[in-house]
Amino acid sequence: MLQDIERYLACPLCAQDLTRHDRSLRCPSGHSFDLAKQGYVSLLAGDAHTGTGDTAGMVAARSDFLAAGHYRPIADALAEAAVAAAAATAGDRAGGPAAESGGLVADLGAGTGHYLAHVLDALPDRVGAALDISKYALRRAAKAHPRIGAVVCDAWRPLPLRDASAELMLNVFAPRNGPEIRRALRPGGTLLLVSPTARHLRELVDALGLLSVDEEKQRRIDEKLGPYLTPADRREVEFTLRLGPQDVRTVVGMGPSAWHTDPERLEASLAALPDPVEVTASVTVAAYRR
């Protein structure tokens, strides 16, 4: 719930602490942000643009696809990495100040909260902040787990989190802001980043003309994060999906290709695919430490 994470939040306009006042969050400077009845709070600056956020249709498609379990191996690998990161943090602090019970897991680009919920199930003493620019996604994220608080924000602006507030940050198929991730992470904290490899959904990329993944994507990610975080661990997760026509429509509709795909051309291309079609899912799960 939102009240579980309020102590970690900061005003997006002046970076001061936020506190609850009835149905709003306020800072000492008087900036106020109303709580939505759907369970989230918008901490966007007044001049922010939300046009890049996932639409209602994209969010519905993602929710359906993830609920069907197609990406369960990715969620499991992320949860395993989160447990390992928590253990490493506890080991680093042995003999020193104890890690705060109920520490924060912040998911930057959380979408519907699916992956964050999976991680929180594996870390029962943590609370989660689902951060995304799409209010349609956060309406679902606010209900995805009893320990999730949902916050509308822009990943490319200062995050509405207090300095060094997060023990762990997640970033799954989402934009990443290296300076802000470093600022929000506690010393010794970990970023877990999931990104597609060039083999991800390659059968659909070829057959349907979808957006492809650059072979150099991981190298470019490492270069951009290099000034702020240190690589700690990495593994590839690859498996085969068996997708019917509706599953294919859904996986296309939930990602960036949804912005670039003509529906009529998609249907014509779908008719030429086998039913079901075997599709490669391939991602990298990488850990970076502050």
Protein backbone atom coordinates (compact mmCIF):
# COMPACT_ATOMS: atom_id res chain seq x y z
CA MET A 1 0.00 0.00 0.00
CA LEU A 2 1.06 3.58 -0.58
CA GLN A 3 1.39 4.25 3.14
CA ASP A 4 4.14 1.60 3.33
CA ILE A 5 6.47 3.66 1.12
CA GLU A 6 5.57 7.25 2.02
CA ARG A 7 8.62 7.62 4.27
CA TYR A 8 10.88 7.01 1.24
CA LEU A 9 9.26 9.60 -1.04
CA ALA A 10 10.49 13.10 -1.87
CA CYS A 11 8.83 16.10 -3.46
CA PRO A 12 9.54 16.16 -7.22
CA LEU A 13 9.70 19.98 -7.16
CA CYS A 14 12.03 20.68 -4.22
CA ALA A 15 13.25 17.22 -3.07
CA GLN A 16 12.04 17.73 0.50
CA ASP A 17 10.36 14.95 2.46
CA LEU A 18 6.67 14.27 1.89
CA THR A 19 4.14 13.55 4.64
CA ARG A 20 0.49 12.48 4.53
CA HIS A 21 -2.26 15.04 5.07
CA ASP A 22 -5.68 13.41 4.66
CA ARG A 23 -5.87 12.50 0.93
CA SER A 24 -2.66 14.20 -0.16
CA LEU A 25 1.11 14.19 0.30
CA ARG A 26 2.73 17.52 1.14
CA CYS A 27 6.25 18.88 1.62
CA PRO A 28 7.35 21.69 3.99
CA SER A 29 7.34 24.14 1.06
CA GLY A 30 3.62 23.58 0.55
CA HIS A 31 3.70 21.50 -2.62
CA SER A 32 0.76 19.09 -2.49
CA PHE A 33 -0.08 15.93 -4.43
CA ASP A 34 -3.50 14.33 -4.26
CA LEU A 35 -3.89 10.58 -3.80
CA ALA A 36 -5.88 8.97 -6.62
CA LYS A 37 -8.85 6.83 -5.65
CA GLN A 38 -7.27 3.96 -7.62
CA GLY A 39 -4.49 3.77 -5.00
CA TYR A 40 -1.57 5.60 -6.60
CA VAL A 41 -0.12 9.11 -6.29
CA SER A 42 1.16 11.26 -9.15
CA LEU A 43 4.47 12.95 -8.34
CA LEU A 44 4.94 14.43 -11.79
CA ALA A 45 6.05 18.01 -12.19
CA GLY A 46 3.39 20.24 -13.71
CA ASP A 47 5.18 20.54 -17.05
CA ALA A 48 5.81 16.80 -17.45
CA HIS A 49 4.60 15.06 -20.60
CA THR A 50 3.05 11.59 -20.29
CA GLY A 51 2.76 10.85 -24.02
CA THR A 52 5.51 8.22 -23.84
CA GLY A 53 3.66 6.18 -21.22
CA ASP A 54 1.98 2.89 -22.02
CA THR A 55 -1.59 3.27 -23.21
CA ALA A 56 -4.55 1.46 -21.67
CA GLY A 57 -4.46 -1.05 -24.52
CA MET A 58 -0.75 -1.75 -24.08
CA VAL A 59 -1.19 -2.22 -20.34
CA ALA A 60 -4.10 -4.62 -20.83
CA ALA A 61 -2.06 -6.65 -23.32
CA ARG A 62 0.91 -6.85 -20.96
CA SER A 63 -1.28 -7.85 -18.05
CA ASP A 64 -2.86 -10.67 -20.06
CA PHE A 65 0.46 -11.95 -21.40
CA LEU A 66 2.22 -11.95 -18.04
CA ALA A 67 -0.77 -13.46 -16.24
CA ALA A 68 -0.61 -16.39 -18.68
CA GLY A 69 2.86 -17.20 -17.32
CA HIS A 70 4.77 -16.84 -20.58
CA TYR A 71 7.59 -14.86 -18.92
CA ARG A 72 7.63 -16.77 -15.64
CA PRO A 73 11.30 -17.86 -16.11
CA ILE A 74 12.27 -14.18 -16.26
CA ALA A 75 10.35 -13.37 -13.09
CA ASP A 76 11.90 -16.37 -11.32
CA ALA A 77 15.43 -15.38 -12.38
CA LEU A 78 14.83 -11.83 -11.17
CA ALA A 79 13.54 -13.03 -7.81
CA GLU A 80 16.56 -15.32 -7.41
CA ALA A 81 18.88 -12.41 -8.18
CA ALA A 82 17.03 -10.23 -5.68
CA VAL A 83 17.48 -12.80 -2.90
CA ALA A 84 21.19 -13.06 -3.75
CA ALA A 85 21.54 -9.27 -3.72
CA ALA A 86 19.80 -9.02 -0.35
CA ALA A 87 22.11 -11.68 1.07
CA ALA A 88 25.18 -9.86 -0.28
CA THR A 89 24.04 -6.58 1.28
CA ALA A 90 23.46 -8.28 4.62
CA GLY A 91 26.91 -9.87 4.42
CA ASP A 92 28.56 -6.53 3.66
CA ARG A 93 26.95 -5.04 6.76
CA ALA A 94 27.72 -7.88 9.13
CA GLY A 95 29.26 -6.39 12.23
CA GLY A 96 28.07 -2.91 11.26
CA PRO A 97 24.71 -1.14 11.27
CA ALA A 98 21.91 -3.58 10.50
CA ALA A 99 19.96 -3.20 7.27
CA GLU A 100 16.60 -1.60 7.92
CA SER A 101 13.80 -4.07 8.32
CA GLY A 102 11.22 -3.41 5.66
CA GLY A 103 13.77 -1.82 3.31
CA LEU A 104 12.67 -0.46 -0.05
CA VAL A 105 12.66 -2.18 -3.44
CA ALA A 106 12.08 0.48 -6.12
CA ASP A 107 11.02 -0.68 -9.59
CA LEU A 108 11.79 1.96 -12.21
CA GLY A 109 9.42 1.43 -15.13
CA ALA A 110 7.35 -1.02 -13.09
CA GLY A 111 4.40 -1.25 -15.47
CA THR A 112 1.68 -3.39 -13.91
CA GLY A 113 3.91 -4.34 -10.95
CA HIS A 114 4.15 -7.97 -12.08
CA TYR A 115 7.91 -8.37 -11.56
CA LEU A 116 8.01 -6.26 -8.41
CA ALA A 117 5.29 -8.43 -6.85
CA HIS A 118 7.30 -11.55 -7.68
CA VAL A 119 10.39 -10.07 -6.00
CA LEU A 120 8.43 -9.02 -2.91
CA ASP A 121 7.11 -12.56 -2.55
CA ALA A 122 10.77 -13.67 -2.36
CA LEU A 123 11.70 -10.86 0.08
CA PRO A 124 8.93 -10.85 2.69
CA ASP A 125 10.52 -8.11 4.83
CA ARG A 126 10.66 -5.54 2.01
CA VAL A 127 8.19 -3.00 0.64
CA GLY A 128 8.02 -1.95 -2.99
CA ALA A 129 7.67 1.31 -4.91
CA ALA A 130 6.26 0.86 -8.41
CA LEU A 131 7.48 3.87 -10.43
CA ASP A 132 6.08 4.49 -13.92
CA ILE A 133 4.81 7.31 -16.10
CA SER A 134 1.65 5.44 -17.13
CA LYS A 135 -1.30 5.90 -14.81
CA TYR A 136 -3.01 3.00 -16.59
CA ALA A 137 -0.18 0.69 -15.54
CA LEU A 138 -0.07 1.99 -11.98
CA ARG A 139 -3.77 1.43 -11.42
CA ARG A 140 -2.90 -2.25 -11.75
CA ALA A 141 0.43 -2.02 -9.92
CA ALA A 142 -1.30 -0.52 -6.87
CA LYS A 143 -3.28 -3.76 -6.56
CA ALA A 144 -0.56 -6.20 -7.64
CA HIS A 145 0.75 -6.86 -4.12
CA PRO A 146 -0.21 -5.71 -0.59
CA ARG A 147 3.28 -4.25 -0.05
CA ILE A 148 3.42 -2.17 -3.26
CA GLY A 149 2.92 1.57 -3.35
CA ALA A 150 2.44 3.04 -6.84
CA VAL A 151 3.88 6.41 -7.92
CA VAL A 152 3.53 8.19 -11.28
CA CYS A 153 6.86 9.78 -12.22
CA ASP A 154 9.18 10.45 -15.14
CA ALA A 155 12.29 8.24 -15.28
CA TRP A 156 14.26 11.01 -17.04
CA ARG A 157 13.69 13.56 -14.30
CA PRO A 158 14.78 13.50 -10.64
CA LEU A 159 13.05 10.50 -9.11
CA PRO A 160 10.65 11.27 -6.24
CA LEU A 161 12.74 9.18 -3.82
CA ARG A 162 14.86 10.37 -0.93
CA ASP A 163 18.63 10.10 -1.26
CA ALA A 164 19.96 6.58 -0.55
CA SER A 165 16.45 5.31 0.17
CA ALA A 166 16.41 2.02 -1.79
CA GLU A 167 18.20 -1.18 -0.83
CA LEU A 168 17.38 -2.63 -4.24
CA MET A 169 16.21 -1.21 -7.56
CA LEU A 170 14.66 -3.10 -10.48
CA ASN A 171 14.59 -2.12 -14.13
CA VAL A 172 12.83 -4.54 -16.49
CA PHE A 173 12.53 -3.63 -20.18
CA ALA A 174 12.44 0.02 -19.11
CA PRO A 175 14.33 3.32 -19.39
CA ARG A 176 17.20 3.79 -16.95
CA ASN A 177 18.61 7.00 -15.52
CA GLY A 178 22.11 6.26 -14.17
CA PRO A 179 22.65 9.37 -12.04
CA GLU A 180 19.24 9.12 -10.39
CA ILE A 181 19.53 5.38 -9.81
CA ARG A 182 22.84 5.94 -8.03
CA ARG A 183 21.42 8.78 -5.95
CA ALA A 184 18.40 6.74 -4.83
CA LEU A 185 20.38 3.57 -4.04
CA ARG A 186 21.95 3.11 -0.65
CA PRO A 187 25.72 2.54 -0.58
CA GLY A 188 26.17 -1.16 -1.30
CA GLY A 189 22.70 -1.35 -2.85
CA THR A 190 22.00 -3.21 -6.08
CA LEU A 191 20.32 -2.45 -9.39
CA LEU A 192 18.89 -5.53 -11.13
CA LEU A 193 18.43 -4.80 -14.81
CA VAL A 194 16.61 -7.05 -17.28
CA SER A 195 17.17 -6.29 -20.96
CA PRO A 196 16.42 -8.23 -24.15
CA THR A 197 19.23 -9.80 -26.16
CA ALA A 198 19.33 -9.67 -29.97
CA ARG A 199 17.69 -13.14 -30.00
CA HIS A 200 14.60 -12.03 -28.08
CA LEU A 201 11.43 -12.77 -30.08
CA ARG A 202 13.60 -13.08 -33.19
CA GLU A 203 11.10 -15.32 -35.00
CA LEU A 204 8.41 -12.65 -34.66
CA VAL A 205 10.81 -9.85 -35.51
CA ASP A 206 11.61 -11.54 -38.82
CA ALA A 207 8.08 -12.65 -39.68
CA LEU A 208 6.15 -9.57 -38.56
CA GLY A 209 8.70 -6.81 -39.12
CA LEU A 210 8.89 -5.84 -35.43
CA LEU A 211 11.52 -3.62 -33.86
CA SER A 212 14.76 -5.51 -33.37
CA VAL A 213 17.34 -5.39 -30.55
CA ASP A 214 20.80 -4.09 -31.29
CA GLU A 215 23.61 -6.66 -30.89
CA GLU A 216 25.52 -4.02 -28.91
CA LYS A 217 22.70 -3.22 -26.50
CA GLN A 218 24.35 -4.71 -23.40
CA ARG A 219 27.65 -2.98 -24.11
CA ARG A 220 25.86 0.35 -24.46
CA ILE A 221 23.99 -0.21 -21.20
CA ASP A 222 27.27 -0.95 -19.39
CA GLU A 223 28.87 2.18 -20.84
CA LYS A 224 26.00 4.42 -19.77
CA LEU A 225 25.83 2.98 -16.24
CA GLY A 226 29.62 2.72 -15.86
CA PRO A 227 30.18 6.17 -14.32
CA TYR A 228 27.60 5.48 -11.62
CA LEU A 229 27.50 1.75 -10.80
CA THR A 230 29.83 -1.26 -10.81
CA PRO A 231 28.87 -4.49 -12.64
CA ALA A 232 28.52 -7.33 -10.15
CA ASP A 233 26.90 -10.33 -11.84
CA ARG A 234 25.20 -11.34 -15.08
CA ARG A 235 23.30 -14.28 -16.49
CA GLU A 236 21.33 -14.97 -19.63
CA VAL A 237 17.88 -16.49 -19.45
CA GLU A 238 16.68 -18.09 -22.67
CA PHE A 239 13.71 -20.36 -23.29
CA THR A 240 11.14 -21.24 -25.94
CA LEU A 241 7.58 -19.94 -26.01
CA ARG A 242 4.72 -21.68 -27.82
CA LEU A 243 2.31 -18.93 -28.81
CA GLY A 244 -1.08 -19.06 -30.46
CA PRO A 245 -2.29 -16.20 -32.69
CA GLN A 246 -3.86 -14.26 -29.80
CA ASP A 247 -0.69 -14.63 -27.72
CA VAL A 248 1.29 -13.18 -30.61
CA ARG A 249 -1.11 -10.25 -30.92
CA THR A 250 -0.73 -9.66 -27.21
CA VAL A 251 3.08 -9.75 -27.10
CA VAL A 252 3.20 -7.32 -30.05
CA GLY A 253 0.63 -5.04 -28.45
CA MET A 254 2.34 -4.80 -25.08
CA GLY A 255 5.77 -3.57 -26.22
CA PRO A 256 7.36 -0.76 -28.23
CA SER A 257 6.35 -2.38 -31.52
CA ALA A 258 2.76 -1.48 -30.65
CA TRP A 259 3.58 2.11 -31.62
CA HIS A 260 4.89 1.07 -35.05
CA THR A 261 2.73 -1.86 -36.22
CA ASP A 262 -0.12 -1.54 -38.70
CA PRO A 263 -3.02 -3.76 -37.50
CA GLU A 264 -4.03 -4.90 -40.98
CA ARG A 265 -0.49 -5.81 -41.96
CA LEU A 266 -0.07 -7.63 -38.63
CA GLU A 267 -3.15 -9.77 -39.27
CA ALA A 268 -1.96 -10.67 -42.76
CA SER A 269 1.45 -11.70 -41.40
CA LEU A 270 -0.13 -13.68 -38.55
CA ALA A 271 -2.06 -15.80 -41.03
CA ALA A 272 1.23 -17.09 -42.44
CA LEU A 273 2.57 -18.25 -39.05
CA PRO A 274 2.14 -21.81 -37.73
CA ASP A 275 -0.29 -22.30 -34.85
CA PRO A 276 1.27 -22.42 -32.35
CA VAL A 277 4.51 -20.73 -33.33
CA GLU A 278 7.73 -21.40 -31.39
CA VAL A 279 9.40 -18.16 -30.33
CA THR A 280 12.68 -17.54 -28.51
CA ALA A 281 12.60 -15.50 -25.31
CA SER A 282 16.09 -14.27 -24.44
CA VAL A 283 17.13 -11.70 -21.83
CA THR A 284 20.08 -10.69 -19.72
CA VAL A 285 19.65 -10.30 -15.96
CA ALA A 286 22.50 -8.08 -14.78
CA ALA A 287 23.37 -6.82 -11.30
CA TYR A 288 25.14 -3.51 -10.64
CA ARG A 289 26.26 -2.30 -7.23
CA ARG A 290 26.59 1.18 -5.83
